């Protein structure tokens, strides 16, 4: 199964759960750990929990058991590792504070680092 199809399947599940500001970043040229990162905002810790539960179920339906889920203690920022896709489900304040969009957009496109 392709990473692109998994990404699209997870995006659809998050859209169905009323996830806000869904962003799919293609990061395969920036890191060897995954092909895509999905960022999505939830309106509250309950909404974040519901989005995470929906994404976990969607991954299982796709045949990809999540490798790990971190952040369920507070549901401010939950990271879901589905291998080729990593999903960050965040409350708005956490997403603005950590600003992952900016972090990943500023990395060089090649794998050479300049120290």
N, C-alpha and C. Protein backbone atom coordinates (compact mmCIF):
# COMPACT_ATOMS: atom_id res chain seq x y z
N UNK A 1 0.85 -1.18 0.00
CA UNK A 1 0.00 0.00 0.00
C UNK A 1 0.89 1.24 0.00
N UNK A 2 0.46 2.25 -0.69
CA UNK A 2 1.31 3.43 -0.82
C UNK A 2 1.11 4.41 0.33
N UNK A 3 2.18 5.15 0.60
CA UNK A 3 2.13 6.17 1.65
C UNK A 3 1.11 7.25 1.29
N UNK A 4 0.99 7.55 0.00
CA UNK A 4 0.05 8.57 -0.45
C UNK A 4 -1.39 8.15 -0.17
N UNK A 5 -1.71 6.90 -0.41
CA UNK A 5 -3.06 6.42 -0.14
C UNK A 5 -3.36 6.41 1.35
N UNK A 6 -2.37 6.02 2.16
CA UNK A 6 -2.54 6.05 3.61
C UNK A 6 -2.76 7.48 4.07
N UNK A 7 -1.95 8.41 3.56
CA UNK A 7 -2.12 9.83 3.90
C UNK A 7 -3.53 10.30 3.58
N UNK A 8 -4.00 10.00 2.38
CA UNK A 8 -5.33 10.44 1.96
C UNK A 8 -6.42 9.81 2.83
N UNK A 9 -6.25 8.54 3.18
CA UNK A 9 -7.22 7.85 4.03
C UNK A 9 -7.31 8.51 5.41
N UNK A 10 -6.15 8.85 5.97
CA UNK A 10 -6.13 9.51 7.28
C UNK A 10 -6.69 10.92 7.20
N UNK A 11 -6.37 11.65 6.14
CA UNK A 11 -6.92 13.00 5.97
C UNK A 11 -8.45 12.93 5.91
N UNK A 12 -8.99 11.97 5.16
CA UNK A 12 -10.45 11.83 5.07
C UNK A 12 -11.06 11.56 6.44
N UNK A 13 -10.42 10.71 7.22
CA UNK A 13 -10.92 10.40 8.57
C UNK A 13 -10.90 11.64 9.46
N UNK A 14 -9.83 12.42 9.36
CA UNK A 14 -9.73 13.64 10.17
C UNK A 14 -10.74 14.69 9.72
N UNK A 15 -10.97 14.78 8.41
CA UNK A 15 -11.99 15.71 7.90
C UNK A 15 -13.37 15.29 8.39
N UNK A 16 -13.65 13.99 8.36
CA UNK A 16 -14.95 13.50 8.86
C UNK A 16 -15.15 13.81 10.33
N UNK A 17 -14.05 13.88 11.08
CA UNK A 17 -14.12 14.21 12.50
C UNK A 17 -14.08 15.70 12.78
N UNK A 18 -14.20 16.51 11.72
CA UNK A 18 -14.21 17.97 11.84
C UNK A 18 -12.88 18.53 12.33
N UNK A 19 -11.78 17.85 11.97
CA UNK A 19 -10.45 18.39 12.26
C UNK A 19 -10.27 19.70 11.52
N UNK A 20 -9.56 20.63 12.14
CA UNK A 20 -9.39 21.96 11.57
C UNK A 20 -7.97 22.16 11.05
N UNK A 21 -7.86 22.96 10.00
CA UNK A 21 -6.55 23.35 9.44
C UNK A 21 -5.66 22.14 9.17
N UNK A 22 -6.20 21.15 8.48
CA UNK A 22 -5.43 19.95 8.17
C UNK A 22 -4.36 20.30 7.13
N UNK A 23 -3.14 19.92 7.43
CA UNK A 23 -2.02 20.18 6.54
C UNK A 23 -1.22 18.89 6.38
N UNK A 24 -0.97 18.49 5.14
CA UNK A 24 -0.14 17.33 4.84
C UNK A 24 1.20 17.82 4.30
N UNK A 25 2.27 17.46 4.98
CA UNK A 25 3.60 17.85 4.56
C UNK A 25 4.35 16.63 4.03
N UNK A 26 4.88 16.72 2.82
CA UNK A 26 5.69 15.66 2.25
C UNK A 26 7.11 15.87 2.75
N UNK A 27 7.62 14.97 3.59
CA UNK A 27 8.91 15.18 4.25
C UNK A 27 9.93 14.07 3.93
N UNK A 28 9.64 13.24 2.96
CA UNK A 28 10.52 12.10 2.67
C UNK A 28 11.93 12.53 2.28
N UNK A 29 12.09 13.70 1.69
CA UNK A 29 13.42 14.18 1.32
C UNK A 29 14.11 14.89 2.47
N UNK A 30 13.38 15.14 3.55
CA UNK A 30 13.93 15.86 4.70
C UNK A 30 14.33 14.94 5.84
N UNK A 31 13.69 13.76 5.91
CA UNK A 31 13.94 12.84 7.02
C UNK A 31 13.70 11.40 6.57
N UNK A 32 14.47 10.48 7.09
CA UNK A 32 14.25 9.08 6.74
C UNK A 32 13.17 8.40 7.58
N UNK A 33 12.61 9.09 8.56
CA UNK A 33 11.68 8.43 9.48
C UNK A 33 10.26 8.27 8.96
N UNK A 34 9.86 9.09 7.99
CA UNK A 34 8.49 9.03 7.49
C UNK A 34 8.41 9.73 6.14
N UNK A 35 7.32 9.48 5.43
CA UNK A 35 7.11 10.15 4.15
C UNK A 35 6.25 11.41 4.30
N UNK A 36 5.26 11.34 5.19
CA UNK A 36 4.33 12.46 5.36
C UNK A 36 4.11 12.76 6.83
N UNK A 37 3.90 14.03 7.11
CA UNK A 37 3.42 14.46 8.42
C UNK A 37 2.10 15.17 8.20
N UNK A 38 1.13 14.76 8.99
CA UNK A 38 -0.16 15.43 8.97
C UNK A 38 -0.27 16.26 10.24
N UNK A 39 -0.70 17.50 10.08
CA UNK A 39 -0.96 18.38 11.21
C UNK A 39 -2.44 18.72 11.19
N UNK A 40 -3.08 18.61 12.33
CA UNK A 40 -4.51 18.91 12.42
C UNK A 40 -4.79 19.50 13.80
N UNK A 41 -5.70 20.45 13.84
CA UNK A 41 -6.08 21.08 15.10
C UNK A 41 -7.44 20.57 15.56
N UNK A 42 -7.54 20.42 16.88
CA UNK A 42 -8.81 20.12 17.52
C UNK A 42 -9.18 21.28 18.42
N UNK A 43 -10.45 21.43 18.71
CA UNK A 43 -10.93 22.59 19.45
C UNK A 43 -10.83 22.45 20.97
N UNK A 44 -10.64 21.23 21.46
CA UNK A 44 -10.56 20.97 22.89
C UNK A 44 -9.87 19.63 23.10
N UNK A 45 -9.58 19.27 24.36
CA UNK A 45 -8.96 17.98 24.58
C UNK A 45 -9.89 16.83 24.19
N UNK A 46 -11.18 17.02 24.34
CA UNK A 46 -12.14 15.99 23.90
C UNK A 46 -12.14 15.84 22.38
N UNK A 47 -12.06 16.95 21.68
CA UNK A 47 -12.02 16.91 20.22
C UNK A 47 -10.72 16.26 19.75
N UNK A 48 -9.60 16.61 20.38
CA UNK A 48 -8.32 15.99 20.03
C UNK A 48 -8.41 14.49 20.26
N UNK A 49 -8.96 14.07 21.39
CA UNK A 49 -9.12 12.63 21.67
C UNK A 49 -9.95 11.95 20.60
N UNK A 50 -11.06 12.57 20.22
CA UNK A 50 -11.92 11.99 19.19
C UNK A 50 -11.19 11.88 17.85
N UNK A 51 -10.40 12.90 17.50
CA UNK A 51 -9.64 12.86 16.25
C UNK A 51 -8.58 11.76 16.29
N UNK A 52 -7.91 11.62 17.42
CA UNK A 52 -6.90 10.56 17.56
C UNK A 52 -7.56 9.20 17.44
N UNK A 53 -8.66 9.00 18.14
CA UNK A 53 -9.37 7.72 18.07
C UNK A 53 -9.80 7.42 16.64
N UNK A 54 -10.27 8.42 15.94
CA UNK A 54 -10.70 8.26 14.55
C UNK A 54 -9.51 7.89 13.65
N UNK A 55 -8.37 8.55 13.87
CA UNK A 55 -7.19 8.26 13.06
C UNK A 55 -6.65 6.86 13.34
N UNK A 56 -6.66 6.45 14.60
CA UNK A 56 -6.22 5.10 14.95
C UNK A 56 -7.10 4.07 14.26
N UNK A 57 -8.40 4.26 14.32
CA UNK A 57 -9.34 3.33 13.69
C UNK A 57 -9.15 3.32 12.16
N UNK A 58 -8.96 4.49 11.57
CA UNK A 58 -8.75 4.56 10.12
C UNK A 58 -7.47 3.83 9.71
N UNK A 59 -6.42 3.99 10.50
CA UNK A 59 -5.16 3.30 10.20
C UNK A 59 -5.35 1.79 10.25
N UNK A 60 -6.06 1.32 11.27
CA UNK A 60 -6.32 -0.12 11.38
C UNK A 60 -7.15 -0.62 10.21
N UNK A 61 -8.16 0.14 9.81
CA UNK A 61 -8.99 -0.25 8.67
C UNK A 61 -8.16 -0.32 7.39
N UNK A 62 -7.14 0.49 7.31
CA UNK A 62 -6.27 0.52 6.14
C UNK A 62 -5.25 -0.62 6.18
N UNK A 63 -5.18 -1.30 7.32
CA UNK A 63 -4.23 -2.40 7.47
C UNK A 63 -2.90 -1.99 8.08
N UNK A 64 -2.85 -0.80 8.66
CA UNK A 64 -1.64 -0.29 9.29
C UNK A 64 -1.89 -0.05 10.77
N UNK A 65 -1.43 -0.97 11.59
CA UNK A 65 -1.58 -0.78 13.04
C UNK A 65 -0.63 0.33 13.48
N UNK A 66 -1.11 1.29 14.23
CA UNK A 66 -0.23 2.36 14.71
C UNK A 66 0.94 1.79 15.51
N UNK A 67 2.12 2.34 15.27
CA UNK A 67 3.33 1.89 15.97
C UNK A 67 3.45 2.52 17.34
N UNK A 68 2.80 3.65 17.52
CA UNK A 68 2.86 4.33 18.80
C UNK A 68 1.94 5.54 18.84
N UNK A 69 1.49 5.85 20.05
CA UNK A 69 0.67 7.03 20.28
C UNK A 69 1.21 7.69 21.54
N UNK A 70 1.61 8.95 21.43
CA UNK A 70 2.17 9.68 22.56
C UNK A 70 1.36 10.94 22.82
N UNK A 71 1.13 11.25 24.09
CA UNK A 71 0.48 12.51 24.45
C UNK A 71 -0.95 12.36 24.93
N UNK A 72 -1.37 11.15 25.21
CA UNK A 72 -2.75 10.95 25.64
C UNK A 72 -3.02 11.40 27.07
N UNK A 73 -1.97 11.80 27.78
CA UNK A 73 -2.17 12.25 29.16
C UNK A 73 -3.02 13.51 29.23
N UNK A 74 -2.76 14.45 28.32
CA UNK A 74 -3.47 15.73 28.38
C UNK A 74 -4.29 16.04 27.13
N UNK A 75 -3.98 15.37 26.04
CA UNK A 75 -4.63 15.62 24.74
C UNK A 75 -4.46 17.07 24.28
N UNK A 76 -3.31 17.66 24.60
CA UNK A 76 -2.97 18.97 24.03
C UNK A 76 -2.25 18.78 22.70
N UNK A 77 -1.36 17.77 22.66
CA UNK A 77 -0.64 17.43 21.44
C UNK A 77 -0.44 15.92 21.47
N UNK A 78 -1.03 15.25 20.53
CA UNK A 78 -0.89 13.80 20.44
C UNK A 78 -0.20 13.47 19.12
N UNK A 79 0.83 12.63 19.21
CA UNK A 79 1.57 12.18 18.04
C UNK A 79 1.18 10.72 17.80
N UNK A 80 0.76 10.45 16.58
CA UNK A 80 0.37 9.11 16.16
C UNK A 80 1.32 8.67 15.06
N UNK A 81 2.08 7.60 15.32
CA UNK A 81 3.05 7.08 14.35
C UNK A 81 2.42 5.92 13.60
N UNK A 82 2.19 6.13 12.30
CA UNK A 82 1.62 5.08 11.46
C UNK A 82 2.65 4.68 10.39
N UNK A 83 3.92 4.85 10.72
CA UNK A 83 4.98 4.46 9.80
C UNK A 83 5.23 5.50 8.72
N UNK A 84 4.64 5.29 7.55
CA UNK A 84 4.84 6.22 6.44
C UNK A 84 4.17 7.57 6.67
N UNK A 85 3.30 7.65 7.66
CA UNK A 85 2.61 8.90 7.99
C UNK A 85 2.66 9.09 9.51
N UNK A 86 3.08 10.27 9.92
CA UNK A 86 3.03 10.65 11.33
C UNK A 86 1.98 11.75 11.45
N UNK A 87 1.07 11.57 12.40
CA UNK A 87 -0.04 12.50 12.57
C UNK A 87 0.16 13.26 13.88
N UNK A 88 0.12 14.59 13.79
CA UNK A 88 0.17 15.46 14.97
C UNK A 88 -1.22 16.06 15.13
N UNK A 89 -1.90 15.69 16.21
CA UNK A 89 -3.22 16.26 16.51
C UNK A 89 -3.02 17.18 17.70
N UNK A 90 -3.30 18.48 17.48
CA UNK A 90 -2.95 19.47 18.48
C UNK A 90 -4.11 20.43 18.74
N UNK A 91 -4.18 20.91 19.98
CA UNK A 91 -5.06 22.03 20.25
C UNK A 91 -4.43 23.27 19.64
N UNK A 92 -5.25 24.25 19.35
CA UNK A 92 -4.80 25.45 18.63
C UNK A 92 -3.61 26.12 19.31
N UNK A 93 -3.67 26.30 20.63
CA UNK A 93 -2.58 26.99 21.34
C UNK A 93 -1.26 26.23 21.21
N UNK A 94 -1.31 24.92 21.33
CA UNK A 94 -0.09 24.12 21.20
C UNK A 94 0.45 24.19 19.78
N UNK A 95 -0.44 24.15 18.82
CA UNK A 95 0.01 24.20 17.42
C UNK A 95 0.67 25.54 17.11
N UNK A 96 0.11 26.62 17.61
CA UNK A 96 0.71 27.94 17.39
C UNK A 96 2.05 28.06 18.11
N UNK A 97 2.13 27.51 19.32
CA UNK A 97 3.36 27.62 20.11
C UNK A 97 4.50 26.85 19.45
N UNK A 98 4.26 25.60 19.07
CA UNK A 98 5.33 24.76 18.51
C UNK A 98 5.59 25.04 17.03
N UNK A 99 4.61 25.53 16.32
CA UNK A 99 4.75 26.00 14.93
C UNK A 99 5.53 25.01 14.06
N UNK A 100 5.07 23.78 14.02
CA UNK A 100 5.74 22.74 13.23
C UNK A 100 5.76 23.06 11.75
N UNK A 101 4.76 23.77 11.26
CA UNK A 101 4.74 24.15 9.85
C UNK A 101 6.00 24.94 9.48
N UNK A 102 6.33 25.91 10.31
CA UNK A 102 7.51 26.73 10.05
C UNK A 102 8.78 25.90 10.21
N UNK A 103 8.84 25.10 11.25
CA UNK A 103 10.02 24.27 11.50
C UNK A 103 10.34 23.39 10.30
N UNK A 104 9.34 22.69 9.78
CA UNK A 104 9.59 21.77 8.67
C UNK A 104 9.78 22.50 7.35
N UNK A 105 9.22 23.68 7.19
CA UNK A 105 9.40 24.40 5.93
C UNK A 105 10.78 25.05 5.84
N UNK A 106 11.46 25.25 6.96
CA UNK A 106 12.76 25.88 6.96
C UNK A 106 13.91 24.91 6.81
N UNK A 107 13.66 23.61 6.84
CA UNK A 107 14.72 22.64 6.67
C UNK A 107 15.18 22.59 5.22
N UNK A 108 16.46 22.32 4.99
CA UNK A 108 16.92 22.22 3.60
C UNK A 108 16.29 21.02 2.91
N UNK A 109 16.08 21.14 1.62
CA UNK A 109 15.42 20.07 0.86
C UNK A 109 16.33 18.88 0.64
N UNK A 110 17.65 19.07 0.71
CA UNK A 110 18.54 17.92 0.56
C UNK A 110 18.87 17.39 1.95
N UNK A 111 19.53 16.26 1.99
CA UNK A 111 19.84 15.64 3.27
C UNK A 111 21.21 16.04 3.81
N UNK A 112 21.83 17.02 3.20
CA UNK A 112 23.12 17.49 3.68
C UNK A 112 22.90 18.61 4.68
N UNK A 113 23.51 18.47 5.83
CA UNK A 113 23.39 19.54 6.82
C UNK A 113 24.62 20.42 6.76
N UNK A 114 24.45 21.66 7.10
CA UNK A 114 25.57 22.59 7.12
C UNK A 114 25.83 22.96 8.57
N UNK A 115 26.98 22.52 9.06
CA UNK A 115 27.34 22.79 10.46
C UNK A 115 28.44 23.81 10.54
